[in-house]
Amino acid sequence: MNVPVLIATRPLPKSHIERRIGQWLPEAKWTLTPQTEDGRLWLLRLSTEPCSESVQRMLQTLMESDWLIGMDFSYQD
């Protein structure tokens, strides 16, 4: 399973977002790729069940972050 989620943030280093995601999901279950050089747009690929409790908790954690601007679950590449 490969579920892409486009994440818009204020400028952040990749490691900051990775720490948040890593609190809930093992590294083998996701990848994070910058989509812009300024650290504002990221592509998160989930390779796990998107409705699992751990994914729900991770998404909730991201949504509670003051640096998050938005998430696009309809992104297709």
N, C-alpha and C. Protein backbone atom coordinates (compact mmCIF):
# COMPACT_ATOMS: atom_id res chain seq x y z
N MET A 1 0.85 -1.17 0.00
CA MET A 1 0.00 0.00 0.00
C MET A 1 0.89 1.23 0.00
N ASN A 2 0.56 2.20 -0.81
CA ASN A 2 1.32 3.44 -0.91
C ASN A 2 0.32 4.59 -0.92
N VAL A 3 0.25 5.31 0.18
CA VAL A 3 -0.70 6.42 0.31
C VAL A 3 0.08 7.72 0.38
N PRO A 4 -0.03 8.60 -0.64
CA PRO A 4 0.67 9.88 -0.60
C PRO A 4 -0.17 10.95 0.12
N VAL A 5 0.52 11.75 0.93
CA VAL A 5 -0.10 12.88 1.61
C VAL A 5 0.81 14.08 1.40
N LEU A 6 0.30 15.13 0.80
CA LEU A 6 1.06 16.35 0.59
C LEU A 6 0.89 17.23 1.83
N ILE A 7 2.00 17.66 2.41
CA ILE A 7 1.97 18.44 3.65
C ILE A 7 2.57 19.81 3.39
N ALA A 8 1.84 20.86 3.74
CA ALA A 8 2.33 22.24 3.64
C ALA A 8 2.63 22.74 5.04
N THR A 9 3.82 23.33 5.22
CA THR A 9 4.24 23.82 6.53
C THR A 9 4.87 25.19 6.38
N ARG A 10 5.11 25.83 7.50
CA ARG A 10 6.01 26.98 7.45
C ARG A 10 7.40 26.38 7.27
N PRO A 11 8.41 27.15 6.88
CA PRO A 11 9.73 26.57 6.60
C PRO A 11 10.27 25.77 7.79
N LEU A 12 10.60 24.52 7.53
CA LEU A 12 11.10 23.62 8.57
C LEU A 12 12.19 22.72 8.03
N PRO A 13 13.12 22.32 8.90
CA PRO A 13 14.05 21.28 8.48
C PRO A 13 13.34 19.93 8.46
N LYS A 14 13.76 19.08 7.56
CA LYS A 14 13.15 17.76 7.40
C LYS A 14 13.16 16.98 8.71
N SER A 15 14.24 17.09 9.47
CA SER A 15 14.37 16.32 10.71
C SER A 15 13.27 16.64 11.72
N HIS A 16 12.78 17.85 11.71
CA HIS A 16 11.72 18.25 12.64
C HIS A 16 10.44 17.46 12.37
N ILE A 17 10.07 17.36 11.11
CA ILE A 17 8.86 16.62 10.74
C ILE A 17 9.09 15.12 10.93
N GLU A 18 10.27 14.65 10.59
CA GLU A 18 10.58 13.22 10.74
C GLU A 18 10.46 12.78 12.20
N ARG A 19 10.89 13.62 13.13
CA ARG A 19 10.76 13.28 14.55
C ARG A 19 9.30 13.09 14.94
N ARG A 20 8.44 13.97 14.47
CA ARG A 20 7.01 13.86 14.80
C ARG A 20 6.40 12.59 14.23
N ILE A 21 6.70 12.30 12.98
CA ILE A 21 6.16 11.10 12.35
C ILE A 21 6.72 9.86 13.03
N GLY A 22 8.02 9.89 13.33
CA GLY A 22 8.69 8.76 13.95
C GLY A 22 8.20 8.41 15.34
N GLN A 23 7.50 9.33 16.00
CA GLN A 23 6.91 9.03 17.31
C GLN A 23 5.85 7.95 17.20
N TRP A 24 5.21 7.85 16.05
CA TRP A 24 4.06 6.96 15.89
C TRP A 24 4.27 5.83 14.89
N LEU A 25 5.16 6.02 13.94
CA LEU A 25 5.33 5.01 12.88
C LEU A 25 6.79 4.61 12.74
N PRO A 26 7.06 3.31 12.55
CA PRO A 26 8.44 2.89 12.28
C PRO A 26 8.90 3.41 10.92
N GLU A 27 10.20 3.66 10.80
CA GLU A 27 10.75 4.22 9.57
C GLU A 27 10.43 3.42 8.32
N ALA A 28 10.27 2.13 8.46
CA ALA A 28 9.98 1.27 7.30
C ALA A 28 8.58 1.50 6.74
N LYS A 29 7.74 2.23 7.46
CA LYS A 29 6.34 2.42 7.05
C LYS A 29 6.07 3.77 6.39
N TRP A 30 7.10 4.61 6.21
CA TRP A 30 6.86 5.92 5.61
C TRP A 30 8.15 6.50 5.03
N THR A 31 7.98 7.44 4.11
CA THR A 31 9.09 8.26 3.61
C THR A 31 8.61 9.70 3.53
N LEU A 32 9.53 10.62 3.70
CA LEU A 32 9.22 12.04 3.61
C LEU A 32 10.19 12.66 2.61
N THR A 33 9.63 13.29 1.58
CA THR A 33 10.45 13.88 0.52
C THR A 33 10.10 15.35 0.37
N PRO A 34 11.11 16.24 0.40
CA PRO A 34 10.82 17.65 0.17
C PRO A 34 10.35 17.88 -1.26
N GLN A 35 9.37 18.73 -1.42
CA GLN A 35 8.86 19.08 -2.75
C GLN A 35 9.29 20.47 -3.18
N THR A 36 9.81 21.25 -2.23
CA THR A 36 10.34 22.58 -2.51
C THR A 36 11.66 22.73 -1.75
N GLU A 37 12.50 23.62 -2.21
CA GLU A 37 13.79 23.84 -1.55
C GLU A 37 13.67 24.64 -0.26
N ASP A 38 12.58 25.36 -0.09
CA ASP A 38 12.44 26.22 1.09
C ASP A 38 11.86 25.51 2.31
N GLY A 39 11.60 24.22 2.23
CA GLY A 39 11.10 23.47 3.37
C GLY A 39 9.66 23.77 3.72
N ARG A 40 8.84 24.07 2.72
CA ARG A 40 7.43 24.39 2.96
C ARG A 40 6.46 23.34 2.44
N LEU A 41 6.91 22.47 1.56
CA LEU A 41 6.03 21.48 0.96
C LEU A 41 6.72 20.12 0.97
N TRP A 42 5.99 19.11 1.48
CA TRP A 42 6.56 17.78 1.70
C TRP A 42 5.61 16.71 1.19
N LEU A 43 6.19 15.64 0.67
CA LEU A 43 5.38 14.49 0.27
C LEU A 43 5.65 13.36 1.26
N LEU A 44 4.62 13.00 2.00
CA LEU A 44 4.68 11.89 2.94
C LEU A 44 4.05 10.69 2.26
N ARG A 45 4.80 9.60 2.15
CA ARG A 45 4.26 8.36 1.59
C ARG A 45 4.14 7.34 2.71
N LEU A 46 2.93 6.89 2.92
CA LEU A 46 2.66 5.88 3.95
C LEU A 46 2.59 4.52 3.29
N SER A 47 3.32 3.57 3.81
CA SER A 47 3.25 2.20 3.29
C SER A 47 2.66 1.29 4.37
N THR A 48 1.61 1.78 4.98
CA THR A 48 0.91 1.05 6.03
C THR A 48 -0.57 1.35 5.89
N GLU A 49 -1.39 0.66 6.61
CA GLU A 49 -2.84 0.86 6.57
C GLU A 49 -3.15 2.30 7.01
N PRO A 50 -3.72 3.13 6.12
CA PRO A 50 -3.95 4.53 6.45
C PRO A 50 -4.99 4.76 7.55
N CYS A 51 -5.80 3.77 7.84
CA CYS A 51 -6.83 3.93 8.88
C CYS A 51 -6.40 3.30 10.21
N SER A 52 -5.14 2.87 10.30
CA SER A 52 -4.68 2.24 11.54
C SER A 52 -4.62 3.28 12.66
N GLU A 53 -4.65 2.79 13.87
CA GLU A 53 -4.62 3.67 15.04
C GLU A 53 -3.32 4.49 15.08
N SER A 54 -2.20 3.87 14.73
CA SER A 54 -0.92 4.60 14.77
C SER A 54 -0.89 5.73 13.73
N VAL A 55 -1.45 5.50 12.55
CA VAL A 55 -1.51 6.56 11.54
C VAL A 55 -2.45 7.67 12.00
N GLN A 56 -3.57 7.32 12.58
CA GLN A 56 -4.50 8.33 13.08
C GLN A 56 -3.84 9.19 14.15
N ARG A 57 -3.09 8.56 15.05
CA ARG A 57 -2.39 9.33 16.10
C ARG A 57 -1.32 10.23 15.50
N MET A 58 -0.58 9.71 14.52
CA MET A 58 0.45 10.51 13.88
C MET A 58 -0.17 11.72 13.19
N LEU A 59 -1.25 11.52 12.45
CA LEU A 59 -1.91 12.63 11.77
C LEU A 59 -2.46 13.64 12.77
N GLN A 60 -3.00 13.18 13.87
CA GLN A 60 -3.50 14.08 14.91
C GLN A 60 -2.36 14.92 15.48
N THR A 61 -1.20 14.29 15.70
CA THR A 61 -0.03 15.01 16.20
C THR A 61 0.39 16.09 15.21
N LEU A 62 0.40 15.76 13.92
CA LEU A 62 0.76 16.76 12.91
C LEU A 62 -0.25 17.90 12.89
N MET A 63 -1.53 17.57 12.98
CA MET A 63 -2.57 18.61 12.92
C MET A 63 -2.51 19.54 14.13
N GLU A 64 -1.98 19.08 15.23
CA GLU A 64 -1.86 19.91 16.43
C GLU A 64 -0.60 20.77 16.41
N SER A 65 0.25 20.59 15.43
CA SER A 65 1.51 21.34 15.34
C SER A 65 1.25 22.76 14.87
N ASP A 66 1.96 23.71 15.48
CA ASP A 66 1.76 25.11 15.10
C ASP A 66 2.42 25.45 13.76
N TRP A 67 3.24 24.56 13.22
CA TRP A 67 3.91 24.81 11.95
C TRP A 67 3.15 24.26 10.75
N LEU A 68 2.11 23.47 10.98
CA LEU A 68 1.34 22.88 9.88
C LEU A 68 0.42 23.93 9.25
N ILE A 69 0.43 23.99 7.93
CA ILE A 69 -0.49 24.87 7.20
C ILE A 69 -1.64 24.07 6.61
N GLY A 70 -1.33 22.88 6.07
CA GLY A 70 -2.40 22.06 5.51
C GLY A 70 -1.89 20.70 5.05
N MET A 71 -2.84 19.79 4.81
CA MET A 71 -2.53 18.46 4.29
C MET A 71 -3.50 18.15 3.16
N ASP A 72 -2.99 17.55 2.10
CA ASP A 72 -3.81 17.18 0.95
C ASP A 72 -3.77 15.66 0.80
N PHE A 73 -4.90 15.02 1.10
CA PHE A 73 -5.00 13.57 1.02
C PHE A 73 -5.43 13.11 -0.37
N SER A 74 -5.72 14.05 -1.26
CA SER A 74 -6.15 13.69 -2.61
C SER A 74 -5.00 13.76 -3.62
N TYR A 75 -3.80 14.04 -3.14
CA TYR A 75 -2.64 14.19 -4.03
C TYR A 75 -2.38 12.89 -4.79
N GLN A 76 -2.15 13.03 -6.08
CA GLN A 76 -1.79 11.88 -6.93
C GLN A 76 -0.61 12.28 -7.79
N ASP A 77 0.35 11.39 -7.89
CA ASP A 77 1.50 11.70 -8.74
C ASP A 77 1.60 10.73 -9.88
